[in-house]
Amino acid sequence: KEKQIERIKADLVVPDKALASVRFSFNSDIRSGDNVLTVFDLEKSFPQKPLFKNLNLSINREEKMFLLGPNGCGKSTFLKILNKEISQDSGIIKFGTNVKIGYFDQNIDKLNSDKTVLDEVWDMYKFMDQTEIRSALALFLFRGDDVFKKVSVLSGGERAKIALLKIMLSKPNFLILDEPTNHLDINSREVLEEALLNYDGTLLVVSHDRYFINKLSNKIVHLTHDGAVSIDGNYDDYLLFKENNQPPKEEVKKETTKVNTYKLQKEQQALERKRNSRISKIEKEIEEKETEIAEIQALLELPETSADYEKLLELTEKFDLSKNKLDELYSEWEELQE
């Protein structure tokens, strides 16, 4: 019987443990004024590359505003200007009373690679003791010896979590986020969405994630090289606005010579079918790329990946290529919709 039990034990498969999940929330420690930010006639350009001009917008307390627009129109640059990392060429930026900013940069390049995870956070919040810092790190799944890892060996997702933790501890009332979901795995994205939904402050976000935008936004600002347009609502409302505000087509003057209207109709129908076919294909490619990016992010989160420098480098390069391709697909999709 004992031998039989041992054989049964050998064939048993231990069920996977439930995946640990990040847990956090954003809270502000001071209430801002009702008007959080006002921008007047802002303009910015780089040599040989104009970005935007005539940028005017206003954001009020507790609004969740998303900044959209074609690649290269200056969305990330605008956020850096607000965070005083670079200066505008002209225009006025006016913050309201008691505004306290928490800024997330999509490049996650402000962490010190030579520090440990523990010191990266603790050096910024010296008034907290080690137990408090480690408890906060545990919310983002940095437990045990993980807190002594060098920042240089962390994956993109782990770096993003450190950046979000530092913002969380600062308790801002105005979150400025540049592509906050880019490096996060699916579970962490969902936790971030819930945290932002329940956030009692104000949001200004740049994102290409349609689901993320639809779930959170109550105002969209469409940025172009010539200014910005505000639309109340989410991404679906934004698409409806674009559809209903197309410039009227110029009437074609009737030619005195007879025109083969049937042939023209056929050509137009063929072009429309081609456009719709391309839109469908792009939407499928977008879904595939988003899945591919999520899979890469999941691999980057694995401890064995963090320990393998070559694998980490390979996956990071693959992630960047996939992200760039996704941005190109979004841009083409928007152009075809217009």
C-alpha atoms as a PDB file:
ATOM      1  CA  LYS A   1       0.000   0.000   0.000  1.00  0.00           C
ATOM      2  CA  GLU A   2       2.869   2.383   0.832  1.00  0.00           C
ATOM      3  CA  LYS A   3       4.479   1.681  -2.560  1.00  0.00           C
ATOM      4  CA  GLN A   4       1.138   2.283  -4.260  1.00  0.00           C
ATOM      5  CA  ILE A   5       0.777   5.610  -2.423  1.00  0.00           C
ATOM      6  CA  GLU A   6       4.267   6.665  -3.517  1.00  0.00           C
ATOM      7  CA  ARG A   7       3.427   5.894  -7.157  1.00  0.00           C
ATOM      8  CA  ILE A   8       0.233   7.947  -6.875  1.00  0.00           C
ATOM      9  CA  LYS A   9       2.183  10.833  -5.325  1.00  0.00           C
ATOM     10  CA  ALA A  10       4.691  10.736  -8.160  1.00  0.00           C
ATOM     11  CA  ASP A  11       1.895  11.165 -10.710  1.00  0.00           C
ATOM     12  CA  LEU A  12       0.153  13.975  -8.883  1.00  0.00           C
ATOM     13  CA  VAL A  13       0.384  17.472 -10.381  1.00  0.00           C
ATOM     14  CA  VAL A  14       0.517  20.314  -7.883  1.00  0.00           C
ATOM     15  CA  PRO A  15      -1.994  23.003  -8.921  1.00  0.00           C
ATOM     16  CA  ASP A  16      -0.595  26.433  -9.725  1.00  0.00           C
ATOM     17  CA  LYS A  17      -0.860  28.994  -6.985  1.00  0.00           C
ATOM     18  CA  ALA A  18      -3.050  31.979  -7.723  1.00  0.00           C
ATOM     19  CA  LEU A  19      -0.960  34.680  -9.341  1.00  0.00           C
ATOM     20  CA  ALA A  20      -0.079  37.464  -6.959  1.00  0.00           C
ATOM     21  CA  SER A  21      -1.644  40.762  -7.904  1.00  0.00           C
ATOM     22  CA  VAL A  22      -0.463  44.331  -7.430  1.00  0.00           C
ATOM     23  CA  ARG A  23      -2.581  46.302  -4.948  1.00  0.00           C
ATOM     24  CA  PHE A  24      -2.467  50.075  -4.674  1.00  0.00           C
ATOM     25  CA  SER A  25      -4.538  53.248  -4.755  1.00  0.00           C
ATOM     26  CA  PHE A  26      -3.920  56.935  -5.369  1.00  0.00           C
ATOM     27  CA  ASN A  27      -4.975  59.454  -2.742  1.00  0.00           C
ATOM     28  CA  SER A  28      -4.305  63.170  -2.430  1.00  0.00           C
ATOM     29  CA  ASP A  29      -3.305  64.744   0.863  1.00  0.00           C
ATOM     30  CA  ILE A  30      -4.550  68.228  -0.021  1.00  0.00           C
ATOM     31  CA  ARG A  31      -7.512  69.513  -2.042  1.00  0.00           C
ATOM     32  CA  SER A  32      -6.670  71.647  -5.073  1.00  0.00           C
ATOM     33  CA  GLY A  33      -8.658  74.658  -6.257  1.00  0.00           C
ATOM     34  CA  ASP A  34     -11.578  74.107  -8.618  1.00  0.00           C
ATOM     35  CA  ASN A  35      -9.545  75.246 -11.627  1.00  0.00           C
ATOM     36  CA  VAL A  36      -6.461  73.041 -11.798  1.00  0.00           C
ATOM     37  CA  LEU A  37      -4.798  74.135 -15.042  1.00  0.00           C
ATOM     38  CA  THR A  38      -5.308  76.814 -17.686  1.00  0.00           C
ATOM     39  CA  VAL A  39      -3.168  77.067 -20.819  1.00  0.00           C
ATOM     40  CA  PHE A  40      -3.177  80.159 -23.094  1.00  0.00           C
ATOM     41  CA  ASP A  41      -1.803  80.208 -26.665  1.00  0.00           C
ATOM     42  CA  LEU A  42       0.996  77.741 -25.957  1.00  0.00           C
ATOM     43  CA  GLU A  43       3.508  77.171 -28.737  1.00  0.00           C
ATOM     44  CA  LYS A  44       6.454  74.804 -29.069  1.00  0.00           C
ATOM     45  CA  SER A  45       8.721  73.722 -31.900  1.00  0.00           C
ATOM     46  CA  PHE A  46      12.149  72.196 -32.353  1.00  0.00           C
ATOM     47  CA  PRO A  47      14.570  73.015 -35.177  1.00  0.00           C
ATOM     48  CA  GLN A  48      13.053  71.757 -38.424  1.00  0.00           C
ATOM     49  CA  LYS A  49      10.123  70.304 -36.481  1.00  0.00           C
ATOM     50  CA  PRO A  50       7.120  72.454 -35.490  1.00  0.00           C
ATOM     51  CA  LEU A  51       4.964  70.717 -32.873  1.00  0.00           C
ATOM     52  CA  PHE A  52       1.958  72.843 -31.904  1.00  0.00           C
ATOM     53  CA  LYS A  53       0.743  76.432 -31.645  1.00  0.00           C
ATOM     54  CA  ASN A  54      -2.412  78.190 -30.403  1.00  0.00           C
ATOM     55  CA  LEU A  55      -2.827  75.504 -27.731  1.00  0.00           C
ATOM     56  CA  ASN A  56      -5.565  76.524 -25.300  1.00  0.00           C
ATOM     57  CA  LEU A  57      -7.178  74.276 -22.715  1.00  0.00           C
ATOM     58  CA  SER A  58      -8.593  74.281 -19.206  1.00  0.00           C
ATOM     59  CA  ILE A  59      -8.965  71.398 -16.776  1.00  0.00           C
ATOM     60  CA  ASN A  60     -11.044  71.465 -13.601  1.00  0.00           C
ATOM     61  CA  ARG A  61     -10.781  69.511 -10.371  1.00  0.00           C
ATOM     62  CA  GLU A  62     -11.707  65.795 -10.618  1.00  0.00           C
ATOM     63  CA  GLU A  63     -11.829  65.842 -14.422  1.00  0.00           C
ATOM     64  CA  LYS A  64     -10.254  62.869 -16.176  1.00  0.00           C
ATOM     65  CA  MET A  65      -8.878  64.319 -19.401  1.00  0.00           C
ATOM     66  CA  PHE A  66      -7.123  62.328 -22.132  1.00  0.00           C
ATOM     67  CA  LEU A  67      -4.879  64.009 -24.696  1.00  0.00           C
ATOM     68  CA  LEU A  68      -5.071  62.431 -28.161  1.00  0.00           C
ATOM     69  CA  GLY A  69      -3.641  63.315 -31.554  1.00  0.00           C
ATOM     70  CA  PRO A  70      -1.403  62.095 -34.378  1.00  0.00           C
ATOM     71  CA  ASN A  71       2.163  60.995 -33.693  1.00  0.00           C
ATOM     72  CA  GLY A  72       4.578  63.916 -33.700  1.00  0.00           C
ATOM     73  CA  CYS A  73       2.054  66.587 -32.682  1.00  0.00           C
ATOM     74  CA  GLY A  74       3.773  67.101 -29.307  1.00  0.00           C
ATOM     75  CA  LYS A  75       1.603  65.285 -26.731  1.00  0.00           C
ATOM     76  CA  SER A  76       4.519  64.020 -24.614  1.00  0.00           C
ATOM     77  CA  THR A  77       6.372  67.312 -25.080  1.00  0.00           C
ATOM     78  CA  PHE A  78       3.341  69.189 -23.729  1.00  0.00           C
ATOM     79  CA  LEU A  79       3.354  67.013 -20.595  1.00  0.00           C
ATOM     80  CA  LYS A  80       7.097  67.648 -20.125  1.00  0.00           C
ATOM     81  CA  ILE A  81       6.429  71.391 -20.392  1.00  0.00           C
ATOM     82  CA  LEU A  82       3.775  71.111 -17.668  1.00  0.00           C
ATOM     83  CA  ASN A  83       6.286  69.228 -15.502  1.00  0.00           C
ATOM     84  CA  LYS A  84       8.876  71.995 -16.164  1.00  0.00           C
ATOM     85  CA  GLU A  85      11.336  69.605 -17.799  1.00  0.00           C
ATOM     86  CA  ILE A  86      11.449  71.777 -20.918  1.00  0.00           C
ATOM     87  CA  SER A  87      10.135  75.265 -21.644  1.00  0.00           C
ATOM     88  CA  GLN A  88       7.558  76.488 -24.123  1.00  0.00           C
ATOM     89  CA  ASP A  89       8.458  78.932 -26.917  1.00  0.00           C
ATOM     90  CA  SER A  90       5.540  81.199 -26.020  1.00  0.00           C
ATOM     91  CA  GLY A  91       2.232  81.149 -24.194  1.00  0.00           C
ATOM     92  CA  ILE A  92       1.110  81.034 -20.570  1.00  0.00           C
ATOM     93  CA  ILE A  93       0.597  78.098 -18.190  1.00  0.00           C
ATOM     94  CA  LYS A  94      -1.343  78.787 -15.013  1.00  0.00           C
ATOM     95  CA  PHE A  95      -1.816  76.197 -12.272  1.00  0.00           C
ATOM     96  CA  GLY A  96      -4.577  76.597  -9.705  1.00  0.00           C
ATOM     97  CA  THR A  97      -4.168  76.873  -5.937  1.00  0.00           C
ATOM     98  CA  ASN A  98      -2.650  73.965  -3.976  1.00  0.00           C
ATOM     99  CA  VAL A  99      -1.963  71.908  -7.125  1.00  0.00           C
ATOM    100  CA  LYS A 100       0.441  69.047  -6.372  1.00  0.00           C
ATOM    101  CA  ILE A 101       1.646  67.134  -9.452  1.00  0.00           C
ATOM    102  CA  GLY A 102       2.490  63.461  -9.799  1.00  0.00           C
ATOM    103  CA  TYR A 103       4.171  62.872 -13.177  1.00  0.00           C
ATOM    104  CA  PHE A 104       4.720  59.517 -14.930  1.00  0.00           C
ATOM    105  CA  ASP A 105       7.095  59.503 -17.918  1.00  0.00           C
ATOM    106  CA  GLN A 106       6.580  56.669 -20.425  1.00  0.00           C
ATOM    107  CA  ASN A 107      10.367  56.283 -20.819  1.00  0.00           C
ATOM    108  CA  ILE A 108      10.819  55.471 -17.104  1.00  0.00           C
ATOM    109  CA  ASP A 109      14.350  56.879 -17.343  1.00  0.00           C
ATOM    110  CA  LYS A 110      14.418  58.868 -14.101  1.00  0.00           C
ATOM    111  CA  LEU A 111      15.253  55.897 -11.868  1.00  0.00           C
ATOM    112  CA  ASN A 112      18.848  55.501 -10.668  1.00  0.00           C
ATOM    113  CA  SER A 113      20.162  52.239 -12.154  1.00  0.00           C
ATOM    114  CA  ASP A 114      22.933  51.969  -9.527  1.00  0.00           C
ATOM    115  CA  LYS A 115      20.531  51.913  -6.571  1.00  0.00           C
ATOM    116  CA  THR A 116      18.658  48.992  -5.091  1.00  0.00           C
ATOM    117  CA  VAL A 117      14.871  48.932  -5.299  1.00  0.00           C
ATOM    118  CA  LEU A 118      14.676  49.723  -1.583  1.00  0.00           C
ATOM    119  CA  ASP A 119      17.059  52.707  -1.750  1.00  0.00           C
ATOM    120  CA  GLU A 120      15.428  54.104  -4.916  1.00  0.00           C
ATOM    121  CA  VAL A 121      12.208  54.613  -2.972  1.00  0.00           C
ATOM    122  CA  TRP A 122      13.627  55.193   0.523  1.00  0.00           C
ATOM    123  CA  ASP A 123      16.013  57.969  -0.590  1.00  0.00           C
ATOM    124  CA  MET A 124      12.989  59.966  -1.766  1.00  0.00           C
ATOM    125  CA  TYR A 125      10.941  59.320   1.390  1.00  0.00           C
ATOM    126  CA  LYS A 126      13.527  59.480   4.187  1.00  0.00           C
ATOM    127  CA  PHE A 127      10.860  60.319   6.779  1.00  0.00           C
ATOM    128  CA  MET A 128       9.497  56.762   6.430  1.00  0.00           C
ATOM    129  CA  ASP A 129      11.158  53.842   8.189  1.00  0.00           C
ATOM    130  CA  GLN A 130      12.336  50.663   6.438  1.00  0.00           C
ATOM    131  CA  THR A 131       9.272  48.674   7.492  1.00  0.00           C
ATOM    132  CA  GLU A 132       6.948  51.262   5.944  1.00  0.00           C
ATOM    133  CA  ILE A 133       8.948  51.341   2.698  1.00  0.00           C
ATOM    134  CA  ARG A 134       9.065  47.537   2.455  1.00  0.00           C
ATOM    135  CA  SER A 135       5.331  47.312   3.149  1.00  0.00           C
ATOM    136  CA  ALA A 136       4.703  49.763   0.305  1.00  0.00           C
ATOM    137  CA  LEU A 137       7.031  47.808  -2.004  1.00  0.00           C
ATOM    138  CA  ALA A 138       5.162  44.610  -1.128  1.00  0.00           C
ATOM    139  CA  LEU A 139       1.983  46.136  -2.593  1.00  0.00           C
ATOM    140  CA  PHE A 140       3.844  46.174  -5.925  1.00  0.00           C
ATOM    141  CA  LEU A 141       5.114  42.584  -5.434  1.00  0.00           C
ATOM    142  CA  PHE A 142       8.659  43.499  -4.327  1.00  0.00           C
ATOM    143  CA  ARG A 143       9.067  41.122  -1.407  1.00  0.00           C
ATOM    144  CA  GLY A 144      11.947  39.496   0.436  1.00  0.00           C
ATOM    145  CA  ASP A 145      15.268  39.750  -1.399  1.00  0.00           C
ATOM    146  CA  ASP A 146      13.556  41.454  -4.363  1.00  0.00           C
ATOM    147  CA  VAL A 147      13.953  44.803  -2.592  1.00  0.00           C
ATOM    148  CA  PHE A 148      17.749  44.441  -2.807  1.00  0.00           C
ATOM    149  CA  LYS A 149      17.785  43.997  -6.579  1.00  0.00           C
ATOM    150  CA  LYS A 150      19.588  46.666  -8.565  1.00  0.00           C
ATOM    151  CA  VAL A 151      17.268  48.894 -10.580  1.00  0.00           C
ATOM    152  CA  SER A 152      19.471  48.153 -13.622  1.00  0.00           C
ATOM    153  CA  VAL A 153      18.266  44.514 -13.764  1.00  0.00           C
ATOM    154  CA  LEU A 154      14.555  45.308 -13.500  1.00  0.00           C
ATOM    155  CA  SER A 155      12.181  44.730 -16.406  1.00  0.00           C
ATOM    156  CA  GLY A 156      10.194  47.562 -17.944  1.00  0.00           C
ATOM    157  CA  GLY A 157       7.121  46.496 -15.993  1.00  0.00           C
ATOM    158  CA  GLU A 158       9.011  46.455 -12.681  1.00  0.00           C
ATOM    159  CA  ARG A 159      10.458  49.900 -13.376  1.00  0.00           C
ATOM    160  CA  ALA A 160       6.965  51.209 -14.148  1.00  0.00           C
ATOM    161  CA  LYS A 161       5.728  49.837 -10.804  1.00  0.00           C
ATOM    162  CA  ILE A 162       8.552  51.592  -8.933  1.00  0.00           C
ATOM    163  CA  ALA A 163       7.692  54.866 -10.683  1.00  0.00           C
ATOM    164  CA  LEU A 164       3.990  54.446  -9.835  1.00  0.00           C
ATOM    165  CA  LEU A 165       4.823  53.613  -6.210  1.00  0.00           C
ATOM    166  CA  LYS A 166       6.884  56.798  -5.839  1.00  0.00           C
ATOM    167  CA  ILE A 167       3.974  58.807  -7.260  1.00  0.00           C
ATOM    168  CA  MET A 168       1.502  57.031  -4.942  1.00  0.00           C
ATOM    169  CA  LEU A 169       3.563  57.875  -1.851  1.00  0.00           C
ATOM    170  CA  SER A 170       3.738  61.566  -2.811  1.00  0.00           C
ATOM    171  CA  LYS A 171      -0.100  61.781  -2.616  1.00  0.00           C
ATOM    172  CA  PRO A 172      -0.585  64.244  -5.516  1.00  0.00           C
ATOM    173  CA  ASN A 173      -3.901  65.847  -6.423  1.00  0.00           C
ATOM    174  CA  PHE A 174      -3.041  66.209 -10.148  1.00  0.00           C
ATOM    175  CA  LEU A 175      -1.754  63.142 -11.996  1.00  0.00           C
ATOM    176  CA  ILE A 176      -0.016  63.735 -15.343  1.00  0.00           C
ATOM    177  CA  LEU A 177       0.558  60.348 -16.976  1.00  0.00           C
ATOM    178  CA  ASP A 178       2.315  59.602 -20.267  1.00  0.00           C
ATOM    179  CA  GLU A 179       1.342  56.131 -21.566  1.00  0.00           C
ATOM    180  CA  PRO A 180       1.074  54.612 -18.056  1.00  0.00           C
ATOM    181  CA  THR A 181      -0.095  51.160 -19.248  1.00  0.00           C
ATOM    182  CA  ASN A 182       2.707  50.578 -21.773  1.00  0.00           C
ATOM    183  CA  HIS A 183       4.953  48.369 -19.644  1.00  0.00           C
ATOM    184  CA  LEU A 184       2.371  46.816 -17.343  1.00  0.00           C
ATOM    185  CA  ASP A 185       1.027  43.271 -17.487  1.00  0.00           C
ATOM    186  CA  ILE A 186      -2.725  42.742 -17.821  1.00  0.00           C
ATOM    187  CA  ASN A 187      -3.391  42.306 -14.082  1.00  0.00           C
ATOM    188  CA  SER A 188      -1.428  45.440 -13.203  1.00  0.00           C
ATOM    189  CA  ARG A 189      -3.262  47.415 -15.895  1.00  0.00           C
ATOM    190  CA  GLU A 190      -6.603  46.441 -14.391  1.00  0.00           C
ATOM    191  CA  VAL A 191      -5.448  47.454 -10.899  1.00  0.00           C
ATOM    192  CA  LEU A 192      -4.199  50.790 -12.275  1.00  0.00           C
ATOM    193  CA  GLU A 193      -7.561  51.382 -13.982  1.00  0.00           C
ATOM    194  CA  GLU A 194      -9.441  50.772 -10.744  1.00  0.00           C
ATOM    195  CA  ALA A 195      -7.031  52.973  -8.777  1.00  0.00           C
ATOM    196  CA  LEU A 196      -7.523  55.842 -11.247  1.00  0.00           C
ATOM    197  CA  LEU A 197     -11.299  55.345 -11.341  1.00  0.00           C
ATOM    198  CA  ASN A 198     -11.410  55.804  -7.564  1.00  0.00           C
ATOM    199  CA  TYR A 199      -8.824  58.606  -7.509  1.00  0.00           C
ATOM    200  CA  ASP A 200     -10.122  61.776  -5.835  1.00  0.00           C
ATOM    201  CA  GLY A 201      -7.871  64.124  -7.787  1.00  0.00           C
ATOM    202  CA  THR A 202      -7.520  65.301 -11.403  1.00  0.00           C
ATOM    203  CA  LEU A 203      -6.135  63.351 -14.358  1.00  0.00           C
ATOM    204  CA  LEU A 204      -4.360  64.393 -17.560  1.00  0.00           C
ATOM    205  CA  VAL A 205      -3.283  61.342 -19.566  1.00  0.00           C
ATOM    206  CA  VAL A 206      -1.691  60.536 -22.911  1.00  0.00           C
ATOM    207  CA  SER A 207      -2.625  57.020 -24.040  1.00  0.00           C
ATOM    208  CA  HIS A 208      -3.266  54.929 -27.151  1.00  0.00           C
ATOM    209  CA  ASP A 209      -5.135  52.265 -25.192  1.00  0.00           C
ATOM    210  CA  ARG A 210      -8.746  52.604 -26.412  1.00  0.00           C
ATOM    211  CA  TYR A 211     -10.200  50.430 -23.639  1.00  0.00           C
ATOM    212  CA  PHE A 212      -8.279  52.374 -20.985  1.00  0.00           C
ATOM    213  CA  ILE A 213      -9.515  55.699 -22.421  1.00  0.00           C
ATOM    214  CA  ASN A 214     -13.138  54.543 -22.659  1.00  0.00           C
ATOM    215  CA  LYS A 215     -13.144  53.307 -19.091  1.00  0.00           C
ATOM    216  CA  LEU A 216     -11.695  56.438 -17.490  1.00  0.00           C
ATOM    217  CA  SER A 217     -12.125  59.596 -19.533  1.00  0.00           C
ATOM    218  CA  ASN A 218     -14.830  62.220 -19.186  1.00  0.00           C
ATOM    219  CA  LYS A 219     -13.104  64.661 -21.530  1.00  0.00           C
ATOM    220  CA  ILE A 220     -10.954  64.242 -24.657  1.00  0.00           C
ATOM    221  CA  VAL A 221      -8.615  66.902 -26.017  1.00  0.00           C
ATOM    222  CA  HIS A 222      -7.577  66.392 -29.641  1.00  0.00           C
ATOM    223  CA  LEU A 223      -4.174  68.025 -30.182  1.00  0.00           C
ATOM    224  CA  THR A 224      -2.982  69.042 -33.654  1.00  0.00           C
ATOM    225  CA  HIS A 225      -0.182  71.226 -34.971  1.00  0.00           C
ATOM    226  CA  ASP A 226      -2.624  74.165 -35.014  1.00  0.00           C
ATOM    227  CA  GLY A 227      -4.193  73.880 -31.567  1.00  0.00           C
ATOM    228  CA  ALA A 228      -6.584  71.700 -29.605  1.00  0.00           C
ATOM    229  CA  VAL A 229     -10.286  70.839 -29.531  1.00  0.00           C
ATOM    230  CA  SER A 230     -12.073  69.627 -26.359  1.00  0.00           C
ATOM    231  CA  ILE A 231     -14.797  66.967 -26.512  1.00  0.00           C
ATOM    232  CA  ASP A 232     -16.853  65.889 -23.493  1.00  0.00           C
ATOM    233  CA  GLY A 233     -16.967  62.115 -23.041  1.00  0.00           C
ATOM    234  CA  ASN A 234     -14.778  59.116 -23.878  1.00  0.00           C
ATOM    235  CA  TYR A 235     -13.106  57.649 -26.968  1.00  0.00           C
ATOM    236  CA  ASP A 236     -16.430  56.632 -28.549  1.00  0.00           C
ATOM    237  CA  ASP A 237     -17.692  60.207 -28.199  1.00  0.00           C
ATOM    238  CA  TYR A 238     -14.430  61.418 -29.727  1.00  0.00           C
ATOM    239  CA  LEU A 239     -14.922  59.200 -32.807  1.00  0.00           C
ATOM    240  CA  LEU A 240     -18.528  60.387 -33.128  1.00  0.00           C
ATOM    241  CA  PHE A 241     -17.370  64.012 -32.932  1.00  0.00           C
ATOM    242  CA  LYS A 242     -14.818  63.440 -35.691  1.00  0.00           C
ATOM    243  CA  GLU A 243     -17.413  61.722 -37.853  1.00  0.00           C
ATOM    244  CA  ASN A 244     -19.931  64.569 -37.470  1.00  0.00           C
ATOM    245  CA  ASN A 245     -17.431  67.371 -37.968  1.00  0.00           C
ATOM    246  CA  GLN A 246     -15.877  66.491 -41.308  1.00  0.00           C
ATOM    247  CA  PRO A 247     -15.407  69.482 -43.600  1.00  0.00           C
ATOM    248  CA  PRO A 248     -18.103  69.640 -46.306  1.00  0.00           C
ATOM    249  CA  LYS A 249     -17.071  68.202 -49.611  1.00  0.00           C
ATOM    250  CA  GLU A 250     -16.775  70.703 -52.413  1.00  0.00           C
ATOM    251  CA  GLU A 251     -19.434  70.394 -55.045  1.00  0.00           C
ATOM    252  CA  VAL A 252     -18.023  69.330 -58.380  1.00  0.00           C
ATOM    253  CA  LYS A 253     -19.150  71.607 -61.159  1.00  0.00           C
ATOM    254  CA  LYS A 254     -21.064  69.795 -63.842  1.00  0.00           C
ATOM    255  CA  GLU A 255     -19.057  69.261 -66.961  1.00  0.00           C
ATOM    256  CA  THR A 256     -20.648  70.216 -70.241  1.00  0.00           C
ATOM    257  CA  THR A 257     -19.375  66.960 -71.659  1.00  0.00           C
ATOM    258  CA  LYS A 258     -21.254  63.810 -70.753  1.00  0.00           C
ATOM    259  CA  VAL A 259     -19.751  61.980 -67.760  1.00  0.00           C
ATOM    260  CA  ASN A 260     -20.051  58.276 -67.235  1.00  0.00           C
ATOM    261  CA  THR A 261     -21.657  58.505 -63.768  1.00  0.00           C
ATOM    262  CA  TYR A 262     -22.044  54.740 -63.528  1.00  0.00           C
ATOM    263  CA  LYS A 263     -18.285  54.256 -63.943  1.00  0.00           C
ATOM    264  CA  LEU A 264     -17.534  56.952 -61.340  1.00  0.00           C
ATOM    265  CA  GLN A 265     -19.907  55.339 -58.853  1.00  0.00           C
ATOM    266  CA  LYS A 266     -18.254  51.978 -59.359  1.00  0.00           C
ATOM    267  CA  GLU A 267     -14.804  53.489 -58.800  1.00  0.00           C
ATOM    268  CA  GLN A 268     -15.967  55.262 -55.637  1.00  0.00           C
ATOM    269  CA  GLN A 269     -17.589  52.095 -54.325  1.00  0.00           C
ATOM    270  CA  ALA A 270     -14.396  50.159 -55.023  1.00  0.00           C
ATOM    271  CA  LEU A 271     -12.333  52.761 -53.134  1.00  0.00           C
ATOM    272  CA  GLU A 272     -14.767  52.683 -50.200  1.00  0.00           C
ATOM    273  CA  ARG A 273     -14.617  48.870 -50.047  1.00  0.00           C
ATOM    274  CA  LYS A 274     -10.825  49.056 -50.141  1.00  0.00           C
ATOM    275  CA  ARG A 275     -10.819  51.620 -47.295  1.00  0.00           C
ATOM    276  CA  ASN A 276     -13.206  49.560 -45.141  1.00  0.00           C
ATOM    277  CA  SER A 277     -11.205  46.420 -45.843  1.00  0.00           C
ATOM    278  CA  ARG A 278      -8.004  48.140 -44.754  1.00  0.00           C
ATOM    279  CA  ILE A 279      -9.679  49.473 -41.586  1.00  0.00           C
ATOM    280  CA  SER A 280     -10.833  45.946 -40.677  1.00  0.00           C
ATOM    281  CA  LYS A 281      -7.370  44.567 -41.354  1.00  0.00           C
ATOM    282  CA  ILE A 282      -5.713  47.275 -39.245  1.00  0.00           C
ATOM    283  CA  GLU A 283      -8.118  46.659 -36.351  1.00  0.00           C
ATOM    284  CA  LYS A 284      -7.220  42.970 -36.453  1.00  0.00           C
ATOM    285  CA  GLU A 285      -3.496  43.834 -36.565  1.00  0.00           C
ATOM    286  CA  ILE A 286      -3.966  46.220 -33.623  1.00  0.00           C
ATOM    287  CA  GLU A 287      -5.565  43.451 -31.550  1.00  0.00           C
ATOM    288  CA  GLU A 288      -2.736  41.066 -32.487  1.00  0.00           C
ATOM    289  CA  LYS A 289      -0.072  43.649 -31.599  1.00  0.00           C
ATOM    290  CA  GLU A 290      -1.741  44.463 -28.285  1.00  0.00           C
ATOM    291  CA  THR A 291      -1.814  40.736 -27.468  1.00  0.00           C
ATOM    292  CA  GLU A 292       1.819  40.371 -28.540  1.00  0.00           C
ATOM    293  CA  ILE A 293       2.868  43.335 -26.357  1.00  0.00           C
ATOM    294  CA  ALA A 294       0.964  41.908 -23.374  1.00  0.00           C
ATOM    295  CA  GLU A 295       2.731  38.558 -23.862  1.00  0.00           C
ATOM    296  CA  ILE A 296       6.148  40.252 -24.023  1.00  0.00           C
ATOM    297  CA  GLN A 297       5.321  42.220 -20.882  1.00  0.00           C
ATOM    298  CA  ALA A 298       4.369  38.984 -19.109  1.00  0.00           C
ATOM    299  CA  LEU A 299       7.734  37.468 -20.080  1.00  0.00           C
ATOM    300  CA  LEU A 300       9.557  40.579 -18.880  1.00  0.00           C
ATOM    301  CA  GLU A 301       7.880  40.176 -15.490  1.00  0.00           C
ATOM    302  CA  LEU A 302       9.329  36.689 -14.959  1.00  0.00           C
ATOM    303  CA  PRO A 303      12.205  36.495 -12.418  1.00  0.00           C
ATOM    304  CA  GLU A 304      14.232  34.276 -14.763  1.00  0.00           C
ATOM    305  CA  THR A 305      14.028  36.949 -17.443  1.00  0.00           C
ATOM    306  CA  SER A 306      15.345  39.622 -15.090  1.00  0.00           C
ATOM    307  CA  ALA A 307      18.311  37.384 -14.310  1.00  0.00           C
ATOM    308  CA  ASP A 308      19.150  36.796 -17.985  1.00  0.00           C
ATOM    309  CA  TYR A 309      20.615  40.021 -19.411  1.00  0.00           C
ATOM    310  CA  GLU A 310      20.658  38.848 -23.043  1.00  0.00           C
ATOM    311  CA  LYS A 311      17.055  37.617 -22.859  1.00  0.00           C
ATOM    312  CA  LEU A 312      16.002  40.874 -21.180  1.00  0.00           C
ATOM    313  CA  LEU A 313      17.687  42.913 -23.924  1.00  0.00           C
ATOM    314  CA  GLU A 314      16.117  40.790 -26.667  1.00  0.00           C
ATOM    315  CA  LEU A 315      12.601  41.112 -25.200  1.00  0.00           C
ATOM    316  CA  THR A 316      13.013  44.857 -24.603  1.00  0.00           C
ATOM    317  CA  GLU A 317      14.024  45.402 -28.226  1.00  0.00           C
ATOM    318  CA  LYS A 318      11.097  43.255 -29.370  1.00  0.00           C
ATOM    319  CA  PHE A 319       8.749  45.269 -27.126  1.00  0.00           C
ATOM    320  CA  ASP A 320       9.985  48.582 -28.575  1.00  0.00           C
ATOM    321  CA  LEU A 321       9.540  47.341 -32.158  1.00  0.00           C
ATOM    322  CA  SER A 322       6.021  46.096 -31.411  1.00  0.00           C
ATOM    323  CA  LYS A 323       5.092  49.357 -29.654  1.00  0.00           C
ATOM    324  CA  ASN A 324       6.343  51.450 -32.579  1.00  0.00           C
ATOM    325  CA  LYS A 325       4.380  49.282 -35.004  1.00  0.00           C
ATOM    326  CA  LEU A 326       1.258  49.655 -32.836  1.00  0.00           C
ATOM    327  CA  ASP A 327       1.636  53.446 -32.895  1.00  0.00           C
ATOM    328  CA  GLU A 328       1.908  53.361 -36.696  1.00  0.00           C
ATOM    329  CA  LEU A 329      -1.239  51.232 -36.940  1.00  0.00           C
ATOM    330  CA  TYR A 330      -3.184  53.628 -34.697  1.00  0.00           C
ATOM    331  CA  SER A 331      -2.080  56.596 -36.813  1.00  0.00           C
ATOM    332  CA  GLU A 332      -3.094  54.914 -40.083  1.00  0.00           C
ATOM    333  CA  TRP A 333      -6.417  53.815 -38.534  1.00  0.00           C
ATOM    334  CA  GLU A 334      -7.194  57.388 -37.459  1.00  0.00           C
ATOM    335  CA  GLU A 335      -6.313  58.739 -40.910  1.00  0.00           C
ATOM    336  CA  LEU A 336      -8.609  56.227 -42.608  1.00  0.00           C
ATOM    337  CA  GLN A 337     -11.437  57.050 -40.195  1.00  0.00           C
ATOM    338  CA  GLU A 338     -11.062  60.702 -41.098  1.00  0.00           C
END
